[in-house]
Structures are given as C-alpha cells and as structure tokens.
Amino acid sequence: MSDSSNKARRALRIAVTGGAGSGKSIVCKRFQTLGAFVVDLDRLSRQAVEPGTGGFQQVIERFGREVITEDGGLDRRRLREIIVADEKARRDLEAIVHPEVLRRMNDAMDKAEAAGAPLLVAEVPLLFEAGLERFFDQVVVVAAPEEARVRRLVERDNVAAEQAAALIGIQMPESEKRKRADFVIENSGRPGDIIGEVDRLFDRLAAKAEKDGESA
C-alpha cells in the first residue's frame, strides 16, 4: 500500500525577468542562497551554441563565418551587434536557441523537483518576448531606471553607452513587464539595497509552495 505522505509534491516554478542591466542575477543568487534551485537561461543559451553542438552549426549556417572567433568559438559581441541592428536576425537566432534552452531548462527543473526542491527559479531575460511565461507559476520582474541599466551594462560588458541603450531598446518596455508580473522588485539603488526585499519575497513564495503542496 502506498503512503500518500511520500507522494512527490509539485514544486513552484518561478521566472525572474527584467530588462538588460536590471539586476536579475542579484535576485537569483540571493534566492539560491536562501535554498531555491536556480537555473540561468543565459548560461543554457551559451551551452546550446557551444562548438560541436547542432545549435552552433545552425548559427554558422545563418550568420556566416564572421561570427566565429580565431579560436573557433562564437563571437558573441559581433552576434549581439548583428541582432541589435536587425530584427529578423534576432528572431532567426531566437528560433535556433530557444527550443534547446527550454529543453535544458525543463530537464534541470524536473530533476530538481524529483529531488524534492520546493522552489524552482529560472533567470529568464526574454521571458515575455519569447512567450515563455506560460511555463511558470509566478513571474518576478526586477525593475530599474533606464539610466542605471545603461550604466551597469557599460561597466559589466565594456560596451559603449549607445550600444547598451540600443540593446535595451529592442526589449519589451519595462512598463509592460510590470503589468504582466506577479511581483516587482525595485532595484534603483546599490546591489545590497534589495536583499531585504528579496528575502521577504522568498518567504512569501516558500509559504505558497508549502500551502500548494499540502493541498495537492
């Protein structure tokens, strides 16, 4: 006879999104420190087009040898320049990368859920743009003023302010992301200023996961 108390609970799946330079990684790292399972879709997207993968070959076929570095890897800076300037190129790249990223994300989350993780968090830069929100129970948007985001991108990626602003410009406006979010975290100050807000949100999500698990 099976014991219902041993039945695996369905974990709460949470997407953390926001515009480039908003501070998504800070939020996700804190969630991970507090005990959530976290997967980074930027990292998965890099893995999906590593040399030797089918994704890498598709990128080369679409964009040519100009997006390959001297050591045989993908020239991500050049690729970024191309997709910022050409919407069709951006959509073509997304069509190559997104299906494989989604497969890898689901595999990782399924394994974590089977292992008993109650909170599964994904850092998803283009959540709404790619129509991925349907795969999650809750959506957290990290918001920040555009001037702060441009400054962070310039410092982080060593790019010109104009290029950083152009990257922000091709993404969904933050105002629209706020409307679609279940929760919004404001990140207008220093990185450490939002830790308390993230901690409080984690407690709310953990309580929801526990409640949902009891009623499952």
N, C-alpha and C. Protein backbone atom coordinates (compact mmCIF):
# COMPACT_ATOMS: atom_id res chain seq x y z
N MET A 1 0.86 -1.20 0.00
CA MET A 1 0.00 0.00 0.00
C MET A 1 0.88 1.23 0.00
N SER A 2 0.58 2.18 -0.88
CA SER A 2 1.42 3.36 -0.98
C SER A 2 1.11 4.33 0.14
N ASP A 3 2.12 5.09 0.53
CA ASP A 3 1.99 6.10 1.58
C ASP A 3 1.84 7.45 0.91
N SER A 4 0.67 8.10 1.08
CA SER A 4 0.43 9.37 0.41
C SER A 4 1.39 10.45 0.86
N SER A 5 1.97 10.32 2.07
CA SER A 5 2.91 11.32 2.56
C SER A 5 4.21 11.30 1.78
N ASN A 6 4.47 10.19 1.07
CA ASN A 6 5.68 10.09 0.29
C ASN A 6 5.49 10.55 -1.16
N LYS A 7 4.26 10.93 -1.48
CA LYS A 7 3.98 11.38 -2.83
C LYS A 7 4.73 12.68 -3.11
N ALA A 8 5.41 12.73 -4.25
CA ALA A 8 6.19 13.91 -4.59
C ALA A 8 5.29 15.11 -4.78
N ARG A 9 5.66 16.21 -4.17
CA ARG A 9 4.90 17.44 -4.33
C ARG A 9 5.36 18.17 -5.58
N ARG A 10 4.43 18.84 -6.21
CA ARG A 10 4.80 19.66 -7.36
C ARG A 10 5.45 20.94 -6.87
N ALA A 11 6.62 21.22 -7.37
CA ALA A 11 7.35 22.41 -6.96
C ALA A 11 6.76 23.66 -7.62
N LEU A 12 6.97 24.80 -7.00
CA LEU A 12 6.55 26.08 -7.54
C LEU A 12 7.62 26.57 -8.52
N ARG A 13 7.21 26.85 -9.74
CA ARG A 13 8.15 27.28 -10.77
C ARG A 13 8.04 28.80 -10.95
N ILE A 14 9.17 29.47 -10.78
CA ILE A 14 9.20 30.93 -10.72
C ILE A 14 10.17 31.45 -11.77
N ALA A 15 9.72 32.42 -12.56
CA ALA A 15 10.60 33.09 -13.52
C ALA A 15 10.99 34.45 -12.97
N VAL A 16 12.27 34.74 -13.04
CA VAL A 16 12.78 36.07 -12.68
C VAL A 16 13.24 36.73 -13.98
N THR A 17 12.63 37.85 -14.32
CA THR A 17 12.95 38.52 -15.57
C THR A 17 13.10 40.01 -15.33
N GLY A 18 13.38 40.73 -16.41
CA GLY A 18 13.61 42.16 -16.33
C GLY A 18 14.50 42.57 -17.49
N GLY A 19 14.58 43.85 -17.74
CA GLY A 19 15.40 44.33 -18.84
C GLY A 19 16.88 44.12 -18.58
N ALA A 20 17.67 44.26 -19.65
CA ALA A 20 19.12 44.14 -19.53
C ALA A 20 19.63 45.14 -18.50
N GLY A 21 20.46 44.67 -17.58
CA GLY A 21 21.03 45.53 -16.56
C GLY A 21 20.13 45.83 -15.38
N SER A 22 19.00 45.13 -15.28
CA SER A 22 18.06 45.43 -14.19
C SER A 22 18.50 44.85 -12.85
N GLY A 23 19.28 43.78 -12.88
CA GLY A 23 19.72 43.16 -11.63
C GLY A 23 19.11 41.80 -11.37
N LYS A 24 18.73 41.09 -12.41
CA LYS A 24 18.13 39.77 -12.27
C LYS A 24 19.06 38.79 -11.55
N SER A 25 20.34 38.85 -11.90
CA SER A 25 21.29 37.89 -11.33
C SER A 25 21.44 38.06 -9.83
N ILE A 26 21.38 39.30 -9.36
CA ILE A 26 21.47 39.56 -7.92
C ILE A 26 20.32 38.87 -7.20
N VAL A 27 19.13 39.02 -7.76
CA VAL A 27 17.93 38.42 -7.15
C VAL A 27 18.06 36.90 -7.14
N CYS A 28 18.47 36.33 -8.27
CA CYS A 28 18.54 34.88 -8.38
C CYS A 28 19.63 34.29 -7.47
N LYS A 29 20.74 34.96 -7.36
CA LYS A 29 21.80 34.49 -6.46
C LYS A 29 21.32 34.49 -5.02
N ARG A 30 20.53 35.50 -4.66
CA ARG A 30 20.00 35.54 -3.29
C ARG A 30 18.98 34.42 -3.08
N PHE A 31 18.11 34.19 -4.05
CA PHE A 31 17.17 33.07 -3.95
C PHE A 31 17.92 31.76 -3.76
N GLN A 32 19.01 31.59 -4.49
CA GLN A 32 19.79 30.36 -4.39
C GLN A 32 20.41 30.23 -3.00
N THR A 33 20.93 31.32 -2.47
CA THR A 33 21.50 31.32 -1.12
C THR A 33 20.46 30.92 -0.09
N LEU A 34 19.21 31.33 -0.32
CA LEU A 34 18.13 31.04 0.62
C LEU A 34 17.57 29.62 0.46
N GLY A 35 18.01 28.90 -0.57
CA GLY A 35 17.62 27.50 -0.69
C GLY A 35 16.86 27.11 -1.94
N ALA A 36 16.60 28.05 -2.83
CA ALA A 36 15.89 27.72 -4.07
C ALA A 36 16.84 27.05 -5.06
N PHE A 37 16.27 26.21 -5.93
CA PHE A 37 17.03 25.70 -7.07
C PHE A 37 16.95 26.76 -8.16
N VAL A 38 18.10 27.15 -8.71
CA VAL A 38 18.13 28.23 -9.69
C VAL A 38 18.84 27.76 -10.95
N VAL A 39 18.23 28.09 -12.09
CA VAL A 39 18.85 27.81 -13.39
C VAL A 39 18.89 29.12 -14.17
N ASP A 40 20.03 29.35 -14.83
CA ASP A 40 20.28 30.59 -15.56
C ASP A 40 20.14 30.32 -17.06
N LEU A 41 19.12 30.91 -17.69
CA LEU A 41 18.91 30.64 -19.11
C LEU A 41 19.97 31.28 -20.00
N ASP A 42 20.64 32.31 -19.53
CA ASP A 42 21.77 32.85 -20.29
C ASP A 42 22.87 31.79 -20.40
N ARG A 43 23.12 31.11 -19.29
CA ARG A 43 24.15 30.05 -19.30
C ARG A 43 23.72 28.91 -20.22
N LEU A 44 22.45 28.54 -20.14
CA LEU A 44 21.96 27.47 -21.01
C LEU A 44 22.02 27.87 -22.48
N SER A 45 21.77 29.15 -22.77
CA SER A 45 21.83 29.60 -24.16
C SER A 45 23.26 29.54 -24.69
N ARG A 46 24.24 29.79 -23.82
CA ARG A 46 25.63 29.65 -24.24
C ARG A 46 25.97 28.19 -24.51
N GLN A 47 25.49 27.31 -23.65
CA GLN A 47 25.73 25.88 -23.84
C GLN A 47 25.08 25.37 -25.13
N ALA A 48 23.94 25.93 -25.48
CA ALA A 48 23.18 25.46 -26.65
C ALA A 48 23.90 25.74 -27.96
N VAL A 49 24.84 26.69 -27.95
CA VAL A 49 25.56 27.03 -29.19
C VAL A 49 27.06 26.89 -29.02
N GLU A 50 27.49 26.01 -28.12
CA GLU A 50 28.91 25.74 -27.99
C GLU A 50 29.41 24.98 -29.22
N PRO A 51 30.69 25.15 -29.56
CA PRO A 51 31.24 24.42 -30.71
C PRO A 51 30.97 22.92 -30.59
N GLY A 52 30.54 22.33 -31.68
CA GLY A 52 30.24 20.90 -31.69
C GLY A 52 28.77 20.59 -31.53
N THR A 53 27.96 21.59 -31.11
CA THR A 53 26.53 21.36 -30.96
C THR A 53 25.80 21.66 -32.26
N GLY A 54 24.59 21.12 -32.37
CA GLY A 54 23.77 21.42 -33.54
C GLY A 54 23.42 22.89 -33.61
N GLY A 55 23.23 23.51 -32.46
CA GLY A 55 22.91 24.93 -32.42
C GLY A 55 24.03 25.79 -32.99
N PHE A 56 25.27 25.43 -32.65
CA PHE A 56 26.43 26.16 -33.17
C PHE A 56 26.45 26.10 -34.70
N GLN A 57 26.22 24.92 -35.24
CA GLN A 57 26.25 24.75 -36.68
C GLN A 57 25.14 25.56 -37.35
N GLN A 58 23.96 25.60 -36.73
CA GLN A 58 22.86 26.39 -37.29
C GLN A 58 23.17 27.88 -37.29
N VAL A 59 23.83 28.35 -36.23
CA VAL A 59 24.20 29.76 -36.17
C VAL A 59 25.18 30.11 -37.28
N ILE A 60 26.16 29.24 -37.50
CA ILE A 60 27.14 29.49 -38.56
C ILE A 60 26.47 29.49 -39.93
N GLU A 61 25.55 28.56 -40.13
CA GLU A 61 24.85 28.49 -41.42
C GLU A 61 24.02 29.75 -41.66
N ARG A 62 23.47 30.31 -40.58
CA ARG A 62 22.62 31.50 -40.73
C ARG A 62 23.44 32.80 -40.82
N PHE A 63 24.49 32.92 -40.00
CA PHE A 63 25.18 34.19 -39.88
C PHE A 63 26.57 34.22 -40.54
N GLY A 64 27.09 33.05 -40.90
CA GLY A 64 28.37 33.03 -41.60
C GLY A 64 29.56 32.97 -40.67
N ARG A 65 30.74 32.90 -41.28
CA ARG A 65 31.98 32.75 -40.52
C ARG A 65 32.37 34.00 -39.74
N GLU A 66 31.73 35.12 -40.03
CA GLU A 66 32.10 36.36 -39.34
C GLU A 66 31.76 36.33 -37.85
N VAL A 67 30.93 35.39 -37.43
CA VAL A 67 30.59 35.32 -36.01
C VAL A 67 31.40 34.24 -35.28
N ILE A 68 32.51 33.82 -35.88
CA ILE A 68 33.40 32.86 -35.25
C ILE A 68 34.70 33.56 -34.85
N THR A 69 35.17 33.32 -33.65
CA THR A 69 36.43 33.89 -33.18
C THR A 69 37.61 33.10 -33.73
N GLU A 70 38.80 33.62 -33.52
CA GLU A 70 40.00 32.95 -34.02
C GLU A 70 40.20 31.58 -33.40
N ASP A 71 39.74 31.40 -32.17
CA ASP A 71 39.90 30.10 -31.52
C ASP A 71 38.75 29.14 -31.80
N GLY A 72 37.84 29.53 -32.70
CA GLY A 72 36.78 28.62 -33.12
C GLY A 72 35.49 28.71 -32.35
N GLY A 73 35.41 29.62 -31.41
CA GLY A 73 34.18 29.79 -30.65
C GLY A 73 33.27 30.82 -31.28
N LEU A 74 32.17 31.11 -30.62
CA LEU A 74 31.21 32.07 -31.13
C LEU A 74 31.59 33.47 -30.67
N ASP A 75 31.64 34.41 -31.61
CA ASP A 75 31.93 35.80 -31.29
C ASP A 75 30.62 36.46 -30.84
N ARG A 76 30.38 36.41 -29.54
CA ARG A 76 29.10 36.87 -29.00
C ARG A 76 28.93 38.38 -29.15
N ARG A 77 30.01 39.10 -29.05
CA ARG A 77 29.90 40.55 -29.21
C ARG A 77 29.45 40.90 -30.64
N ARG A 78 30.05 40.26 -31.62
CA ARG A 78 29.67 40.50 -33.01
C ARG A 78 28.23 40.07 -33.26
N LEU A 79 27.85 38.94 -32.70
CA LEU A 79 26.49 38.45 -32.86
C LEU A 79 25.49 39.42 -32.23
N ARG A 80 25.86 39.96 -31.08
CA ARG A 80 24.98 40.93 -30.43
C ARG A 80 24.81 42.17 -31.30
N GLU A 81 25.89 42.64 -31.89
CA GLU A 81 25.80 43.81 -32.78
C GLU A 81 24.84 43.55 -33.93
N ILE A 82 24.89 42.34 -34.47
CA ILE A 82 24.04 42.00 -35.61
C ILE A 82 22.57 41.99 -35.22
N ILE A 83 22.25 41.35 -34.11
CA ILE A 83 20.84 41.21 -33.76
C ILE A 83 20.24 42.51 -33.22
N VAL A 84 21.09 43.38 -32.67
CA VAL A 84 20.59 44.68 -32.22
C VAL A 84 20.18 45.53 -33.43
N ALA A 85 20.92 45.38 -34.52
CA ALA A 85 20.67 46.19 -35.72
C ALA A 85 19.63 45.58 -36.67
N ASP A 86 19.32 44.30 -36.51
CA ASP A 86 18.48 43.60 -37.48
C ASP A 86 17.47 42.71 -36.75
N GLU A 87 16.20 43.12 -36.77
CA GLU A 87 15.18 42.38 -36.03
C GLU A 87 14.99 40.96 -36.57
N LYS A 88 15.05 40.81 -37.90
CA LYS A 88 14.89 39.47 -38.47
C LYS A 88 16.03 38.56 -38.02
N ALA A 89 17.24 39.09 -37.96
CA ALA A 89 18.38 38.30 -37.49
C ALA A 89 18.18 37.88 -36.04
N ARG A 90 17.62 38.79 -35.25
CA ARG A 90 17.36 38.45 -33.84
C ARG A 90 16.35 37.31 -33.73
N ARG A 91 15.30 37.39 -34.52
CA ARG A 91 14.28 36.35 -34.48
C ARG A 91 14.82 35.01 -34.99
N ASP A 92 15.67 35.07 -35.98
CA ASP A 92 16.28 33.84 -36.50
C ASP A 92 17.15 33.18 -35.43
N LEU A 93 17.91 34.01 -34.72
CA LEU A 93 18.76 33.47 -33.65
C LEU A 93 17.91 32.86 -32.54
N GLU A 94 16.85 33.54 -32.17
CA GLU A 94 15.96 33.03 -31.12
C GLU A 94 15.35 31.70 -31.53
N ALA A 95 14.99 31.57 -32.81
CA ALA A 95 14.39 30.32 -33.29
C ALA A 95 15.36 29.16 -33.21
N ILE A 96 16.65 29.45 -33.30
CA ILE A 96 17.68 28.42 -33.17
C ILE A 96 17.90 28.05 -31.71
N VAL A 97 17.99 29.06 -30.87
CA VAL A 97 18.45 28.86 -29.49
C VAL A 97 17.32 28.47 -28.53
N HIS A 98 16.17 29.11 -28.63
CA HIS A 98 15.14 28.96 -27.61
C HIS A 98 14.63 27.52 -27.40
N PRO A 99 14.37 26.76 -28.45
CA PRO A 99 13.87 25.39 -28.20
C PRO A 99 14.84 24.54 -27.39
N GLU A 100 16.13 24.65 -27.68
CA GLU A 100 17.12 23.86 -26.95
C GLU A 100 17.28 24.35 -25.52
N VAL A 101 17.22 25.66 -25.33
CA VAL A 101 17.30 26.22 -23.98
C VAL A 101 16.12 25.75 -23.14
N LEU A 102 14.94 25.78 -23.73
CA LEU A 102 13.74 25.35 -23.00
C LEU A 102 13.84 23.87 -22.62
N ARG A 103 14.35 23.05 -23.51
CA ARG A 103 14.51 21.62 -23.21
C ARG A 103 15.48 21.43 -22.04
N ARG A 104 16.60 22.14 -22.07
CA ARG A 104 17.58 22.02 -21.00
C ARG A 104 17.03 22.53 -19.67
N MET A 105 16.26 23.62 -19.73
CA MET A 105 15.66 24.16 -18.50
C MET A 105 14.69 23.16 -17.88
N ASN A 106 13.81 22.61 -18.69
CA ASN A 106 12.83 21.67 -18.17
C ASN A 106 13.50 20.42 -17.61
N ASP A 107 14.54 19.94 -18.26
CA ASP A 107 15.27 18.78 -17.75
C ASP A 107 15.84 19.07 -16.37
N ALA A 108 16.48 20.24 -16.23
CA ALA A 108 17.10 20.59 -14.95
C ALA A 108 16.05 20.77 -13.86
N MET A 109 14.94 21.42 -14.19
CA MET A 109 13.89 21.64 -13.19
C MET A 109 13.19 20.34 -12.80
N ASP A 110 12.97 19.48 -13.78
CA ASP A 110 12.33 18.19 -13.47
C ASP A 110 13.18 17.38 -12.51
N LYS A 111 14.48 17.38 -12.72
CA LYS A 111 15.39 16.64 -11.83
C LYS A 111 15.39 17.23 -10.43
N ALA A 112 15.39 18.58 -10.36
CA ALA A 112 15.38 19.23 -9.05
C ALA A 112 14.06 18.97 -8.33
N GLU A 113 12.97 18.98 -9.06
CA GLU A 113 11.66 18.70 -8.47
C GLU A 113 11.60 17.26 -7.94
N ALA A 114 12.14 16.33 -8.73
CA ALA A 114 12.16 14.93 -8.30
C ALA A 114 13.00 14.74 -7.05
N ALA A 115 14.01 15.60 -6.89
CA ALA A 115 14.88 15.51 -5.72
C ALA A 115 14.28 16.20 -4.50
N GLY A 116 13.11 16.86 -4.68
CA GLY A 116 12.41 17.44 -3.54
C GLY A 116 12.53 18.94 -3.38
N ALA A 117 13.12 19.65 -4.36
CA ALA A 117 13.23 21.10 -4.26
C ALA A 117 11.84 21.74 -4.36
N PRO A 118 11.44 22.57 -3.38
CA PRO A 118 10.09 23.16 -3.42
C PRO A 118 9.98 24.40 -4.29
N LEU A 119 11.11 25.13 -4.48
CA LEU A 119 11.10 26.34 -5.28
C LEU A 119 12.10 26.20 -6.43
N LEU A 120 11.59 26.31 -7.65
CA LEU A 120 12.43 26.22 -8.84
C LEU A 120 12.42 27.58 -9.52
N VAL A 121 13.58 28.19 -9.60
CA VAL A 121 13.70 29.56 -10.10
C VAL A 121 14.51 29.57 -11.38
N ALA A 122 14.01 30.27 -12.39
CA ALA A 122 14.75 30.42 -13.65
C ALA A 122 14.97 31.91 -13.91
N GLU A 123 16.21 32.26 -14.21
CA GLU A 123 16.52 33.61 -14.64
C GLU A 123 16.32 33.67 -16.15
N VAL A 124 15.30 34.42 -16.58
CA VAL A 124 14.88 34.40 -17.99
C VAL A 124 14.87 35.83 -18.54
N PRO A 125 15.94 36.26 -19.20
CA PRO A 125 16.00 37.64 -19.69
C PRO A 125 14.86 38.01 -20.63
N LEU A 126 14.48 37.13 -21.55
CA LEU A 126 13.47 37.45 -22.56
C LEU A 126 12.20 36.64 -22.34
N LEU A 127 11.75 36.59 -21.12
CA LEU A 127 10.59 35.77 -20.77
C LEU A 127 9.37 36.12 -21.61
N PHE A 128 8.95 37.38 -21.56
CA PHE A 128 7.74 37.78 -22.27
C PHE A 128 7.96 37.85 -23.78
N GLU A 129 9.15 38.33 -24.18
CA GLU A 129 9.45 38.44 -25.60
C GLU A 129 9.39 37.08 -26.29
N ALA A 130 9.80 36.04 -25.56
CA ALA A 130 9.81 34.69 -26.14
C ALA A 130 8.54 33.90 -25.83
N GLY A 131 7.61 34.49 -25.10
CA GLY A 131 6.36 33.81 -24.78
C GLY A 131 6.53 32.64 -23.84
N LEU A 132 7.49 32.73 -22.91
CA LEU A 132 7.79 31.60 -22.03
C LEU A 132 7.07 31.67 -20.68
N GLU A 133 6.32 32.74 -20.44
CA GLU A 133 5.69 32.88 -19.13
C GLU A 133 4.71 31.76 -18.82
N ARG A 134 4.18 31.11 -19.85
CA ARG A 134 3.20 30.04 -19.63
C ARG A 134 3.81 28.82 -18.95
N PHE A 135 5.12 28.75 -18.89
CA PHE A 135 5.78 27.60 -18.27
C PHE A 135 6.01 27.79 -16.77
N PHE A 136 5.55 28.91 -16.22
CA PHE A 136 5.84 29.24 -14.83
C PHE A 136 4.57 29.55 -14.05
N ASP A 137 4.65 29.33 -12.73
CA ASP A 137 3.53 29.61 -11.84
C ASP A 137 3.50 31.07 -11.41
N GLN A 138 4.68 31.66 -11.22
CA GLN A 138 4.80 33.03 -10.76
C GLN A 138 5.90 33.73 -11.56
N VAL A 139 5.70 35.02 -11.81
CA VAL A 139 6.70 35.81 -12.53
C VAL A 139 7.12 37.00 -11.67
N VAL A 140 8.43 37.12 -11.50
CA VAL A 140 9.03 38.22 -10.76
C VAL A 140 9.77 39.11 -11.75
N VAL A 141 9.42 40.39 -11.78
CA VAL A 141 10.12 41.35 -12.63
C VAL A 141 11.03 42.21 -11.77
N VAL A 142 12.29 42.30 -12.15
CA VAL A 142 13.24 43.19 -11.49
C VAL A 142 13.30 44.47 -12.32
N ALA A 143 13.01 45.59 -11.69
CA ALA A 143 12.90 46.86 -12.39
C ALA A 143 13.97 47.84 -11.92
N ALA A 144 14.42 48.70 -12.85
CA ALA A 144 15.42 49.72 -12.52
C ALA A 144 15.32 50.84 -13.55
N PRO A 145 15.69 52.06 -13.17
CA PRO A 145 15.67 53.17 -14.13
C PRO A 145 16.60 52.88 -15.31
N GLU A 146 16.22 53.36 -16.49
CA GLU A 146 17.00 53.05 -17.69
C GLU A 146 18.43 53.58 -17.59
N GLU A 147 18.61 54.77 -17.01
CA GLU A 147 19.98 55.29 -16.92
C GLU A 147 20.88 54.40 -16.07
N ALA A 148 20.30 53.82 -15.02
CA ALA A 148 21.07 52.90 -14.18
C ALA A 148 21.39 51.62 -14.94
N ARG A 149 20.46 51.16 -15.74
CA ARG A 149 20.68 49.93 -16.50
C ARG A 149 21.75 50.13 -17.57
N VAL A 150 21.71 51.27 -18.23
CA VAL A 150 22.75 51.57 -19.23
C VAL A 150 24.11 51.61 -18.56
N ARG A 151 24.21 52.27 -17.44
CA ARG A 151 25.50 52.36 -16.72
C ARG A 151 26.01 50.98 -16.33
N ARG A 152 25.12 50.13 -15.84
CA ARG A 152 25.54 48.78 -15.44
C ARG A 152 26.03 47.97 -16.64
N LEU A 153 25.35 48.09 -17.78
CA LEU A 153 25.76 47.34 -18.97
C LEU A 153 27.12 47.83 -19.47
N VAL A 154 27.33 49.14 -19.44
CA VAL A 154 28.62 49.69 -19.87
C VAL A 154 29.75 49.14 -19.00
N GLU A 155 29.51 49.11 -17.69
CA GLU A 155 30.53 48.63 -16.76
C GLU A 155 30.71 47.12 -16.84
N ARG A 156 29.62 46.39 -16.99
CA ARG A 156 29.67 44.92 -16.98
C ARG A 156 30.21 44.35 -18.27
N ASP A 157 29.72 44.88 -19.40
CA ASP A 157 30.04 44.29 -20.71
C ASP A 157 31.09 45.06 -21.49
N ASN A 158 31.54 46.19 -20.93
CA ASN A 158 32.56 47.00 -21.61
C ASN A 158 32.10 47.41 -23.01
N VAL A 159 30.87 47.93 -23.09
CA VAL A 159 30.32 48.40 -24.37
C VAL A 159 30.04 49.89 -24.26
N ALA A 160 29.85 50.53 -25.40
CA ALA A 160 29.51 51.95 -25.41
C ALA A 160 28.09 52.16 -24.90
N ALA A 161 27.84 53.34 -24.35
CA ALA A 161 26.51 53.63 -23.82
C ALA A 161 25.45 53.54 -24.91
N GLU A 162 25.81 53.94 -26.14
CA GLU A 162 24.85 53.87 -27.25
C GLU A 162 24.44 52.44 -27.54
N GLN A 163 25.41 51.52 -27.48
CA GLN A 163 25.10 50.11 -27.74
C GLN A 163 24.25 49.53 -26.62
N ALA A 164 24.57 49.91 -25.39
CA ALA A 164 23.77 49.44 -24.25
C ALA A 164 22.33 49.93 -24.37
N ALA A 165 22.17 51.19 -24.75
CA ALA A 165 20.81 51.74 -24.91
C ALA A 165 20.07 51.06 -26.05
N ALA A 166 20.80 50.72 -27.11
CA ALA A 166 20.17 50.03 -28.24
C ALA A 166 19.68 48.65 -27.84
N LEU A 167 20.47 47.95 -27.03
CA LEU A 167 20.06 46.64 -26.55
C LEU A 167 18.79 46.74 -25.71
N ILE A 168 18.74 47.72 -24.84
CA ILE A 168 17.55 47.93 -24.02
C ILE A 168 16.35 48.27 -24.91
N GLY A 169 16.62 49.00 -25.98
CA GLY A 169 15.55 49.46 -26.85
C GLY A 169 14.84 48.36 -27.62
N ILE A 170 15.52 47.22 -27.85
CA ILE A 170 14.87 46.15 -28.61
C ILE A 170 14.08 45.21 -27.69
N GLN A 171 14.16 45.43 -26.39
CA GLN A 171 13.42 44.60 -25.45
C GLN A 171 12.06 45.23 -25.14
N MET A 172 11.17 44.41 -24.59
CA MET A 172 9.85 44.90 -24.21
C MET A 172 9.99 46.02 -23.18
N PRO A 173 9.23 47.10 -23.30
CA PRO A 173 9.31 48.19 -22.32
C PRO A 173 9.07 47.68 -20.90
N GLU A 174 9.79 48.26 -19.96
CA GLU A 174 9.65 47.82 -18.57
C GLU A 174 8.24 48.04 -18.05
N SER A 175 7.58 49.09 -18.51
CA SER A 175 6.22 49.36 -18.06
C SER A 175 5.28 48.20 -18.39
N GLU A 176 5.48 47.57 -19.55
CA GLU A 176 4.65 46.43 -19.94
C GLU A 176 5.00 45.21 -19.10
N LYS A 177 6.27 45.02 -18.79
CA LYS A 177 6.67 43.89 -17.96
C LYS A 177 6.08 44.00 -16.56
N ARG A 178 6.04 45.21 -16.05
CA ARG A 178 5.43 45.42 -14.73
C ARG A 178 3.97 44.97 -14.72
N LYS A 179 3.25 45.29 -15.79
CA LYS A 179 1.83 44.93 -15.86
C LYS A 179 1.63 43.41 -15.84
N ARG A 180 2.57 42.68 -16.41
CA ARG A 180 2.42 41.23 -16.54
C ARG A 180 2.98 40.46 -15.35
N ALA A 181 3.64 41.15 -14.45
CA ALA A 181 4.32 40.48 -13.34
C ALA A 181 3.37 40.15 -12.20
N ASP A 182 3.70 39.08 -11.48
CA ASP A 182 3.03 38.79 -10.21
C ASP A 182 3.67 39.60 -9.08
N PHE A 183 4.98 39.81 -9.19
CA PHE A 183 5.72 40.58 -8.19
C PHE A 183 6.74 41.47 -8.91
N VAL A 184 6.99 42.66 -8.37
CA VAL A 184 8.01 43.55 -8.92
C VAL A 184 8.99 43.90 -7.81
N ILE A 185 10.27 43.74 -8.10
CA ILE A 185 11.33 44.13 -7.19
C ILE A 185 12.02 45.36 -7.75
N GLU A 186 12.06 46.42 -6.96
CA GLU A 186 12.68 47.67 -7.40
C GLU A 186 14.18 47.62 -7.09
N ASN A 187 14.99 47.88 -8.12
CA ASN A 187 16.45 47.85 -7.96
C ASN A 187 17.04 49.15 -8.47
N SER A 188 16.72 50.24 -7.81
CA SER A 188 17.18 51.55 -8.24
C SER A 188 18.41 52.04 -7.49
N GLY A 189 18.81 51.30 -6.45
CA GLY A 189 19.96 51.72 -5.66
C GLY A 189 21.14 50.81 -5.82
N ARG A 190 21.90 50.64 -4.73
CA ARG A 190 23.06 49.76 -4.75
C ARG A 190 22.60 48.30 -4.68
N PRO A 191 23.47 47.36 -5.16
CA PRO A 191 23.07 45.95 -5.18
C PRO A 191 22.56 45.43 -3.85
N GLY A 192 23.19 45.83 -2.76
CA GLY A 192 22.80 45.31 -1.45
C GLY A 192 21.48 45.84 -0.94
N ASP A 193 20.99 46.91 -1.55
CA ASP A 193 19.77 47.54 -1.05
C ASP A 193 18.52 46.68 -1.25
N ILE A 194 18.55 45.75 -2.19
CA ILE A 194 17.34 44.98 -2.48
C ILE A 194 17.31 43.63 -1.76
N ILE A 195 18.35 43.32 -1.02
CA ILE A 195 18.42 42.00 -0.38
C ILE A 195 17.24 41.76 0.55
N GLY A 196 16.91 42.75 1.35
CA GLY A 196 15.78 42.59 2.27
C GLY A 196 14.48 42.34 1.54
N GLU A 197 14.27 43.05 0.43
CA GLU A 197 13.07 42.86 -0.36
C GLU A 197 13.01 41.46 -0.97
N VAL A 198 14.17 40.98 -1.43
CA VAL A 198 14.23 39.63 -2.00
C VAL A 198 13.94 38.59 -0.92
N ASP A 199 14.49 38.79 0.27
CA ASP A 199 14.26 37.86 1.37
C ASP A 199 12.77 37.76 1.72
N ARG A 200 12.11 38.89 1.76
CA ARG A 200 10.68 38.88 2.09
C ARG A 200 9.87 38.18 1.00
N LEU A 201 10.25 38.40 -0.25
CA LEU A 201 9.54 37.73 -1.34
C LEU A 201 9.79 36.23 -1.29
N PHE A 202 11.01 35.84 -0.99
CA PHE A 202 11.31 34.41 -0.88
C PHE A 202 10.42 33.77 0.17
N ASP A 203 10.25 34.42 1.31
CA ASP A 203 9.40 33.86 2.37
C ASP A 203 7.96 33.69 1.89
N ARG A 204 7.46 34.65 1.12
CA ARG A 204 6.10 34.55 0.59
C ARG A 204 5.97 33.39 -0.39
N LEU A 205 6.97 33.25 -1.25
CA LEU A 205 6.92 32.19 -2.25
C LEU A 205 7.09 30.82 -1.60
N ALA A 206 7.94 30.74 -0.59
CA ALA A 206 8.13 29.47 0.11
C ALA A 206 6.85 29.06 0.83
N ALA A 207 6.16 30.04 1.41
CA ALA A 207 4.90 29.75 2.09
C ALA A 207 3.85 29.29 1.08
N LYS A 208 3.83 29.90 -0.09
CA LYS A 208 2.88 29.49 -1.13
C LYS A 208 3.19 28.08 -1.60
N ALA A 209 4.48 27.78 -1.78
CA ALA A 209 4.87 26.43 -2.21
C ALA A 209 4.43 25.39 -1.19
N GLU A 210 4.58 25.72 0.10
CA GLU A 210 4.17 24.80 1.15
C GLU A 210 2.67 24.60 1.17
N LYS A 211 1.93 25.69 1.02
CA LYS A 211 0.48 25.61 1.02
C LYS A 211 -0.03 24.82 -0.19
N ASP A 212 0.54 25.11 -1.35
CA ASP A 212 0.12 24.41 -2.56
C ASP A 212 0.46 22.91 -2.47
N GLY A 213 1.59 22.63 -1.83
CA GLY A 213 1.99 21.24 -1.68
C GLY A 213 1.05 20.48 -0.77
N GLU A 214 0.58 21.13 0.28
CA GLU A 214 -0.34 20.47 1.22
C GLU A 214 -1.70 20.20 0.58
N SER A 215 -2.10 21.07 -0.38
CA SER A 215 -3.41 20.92 -0.99
C SER A 215 -3.37 20.05 -2.25
N ALA A 216 -2.15 19.68 -2.67
CA ALA A 216 -2.02 18.90 -3.91
C ALA A 216 -2.54 17.48 -3.71
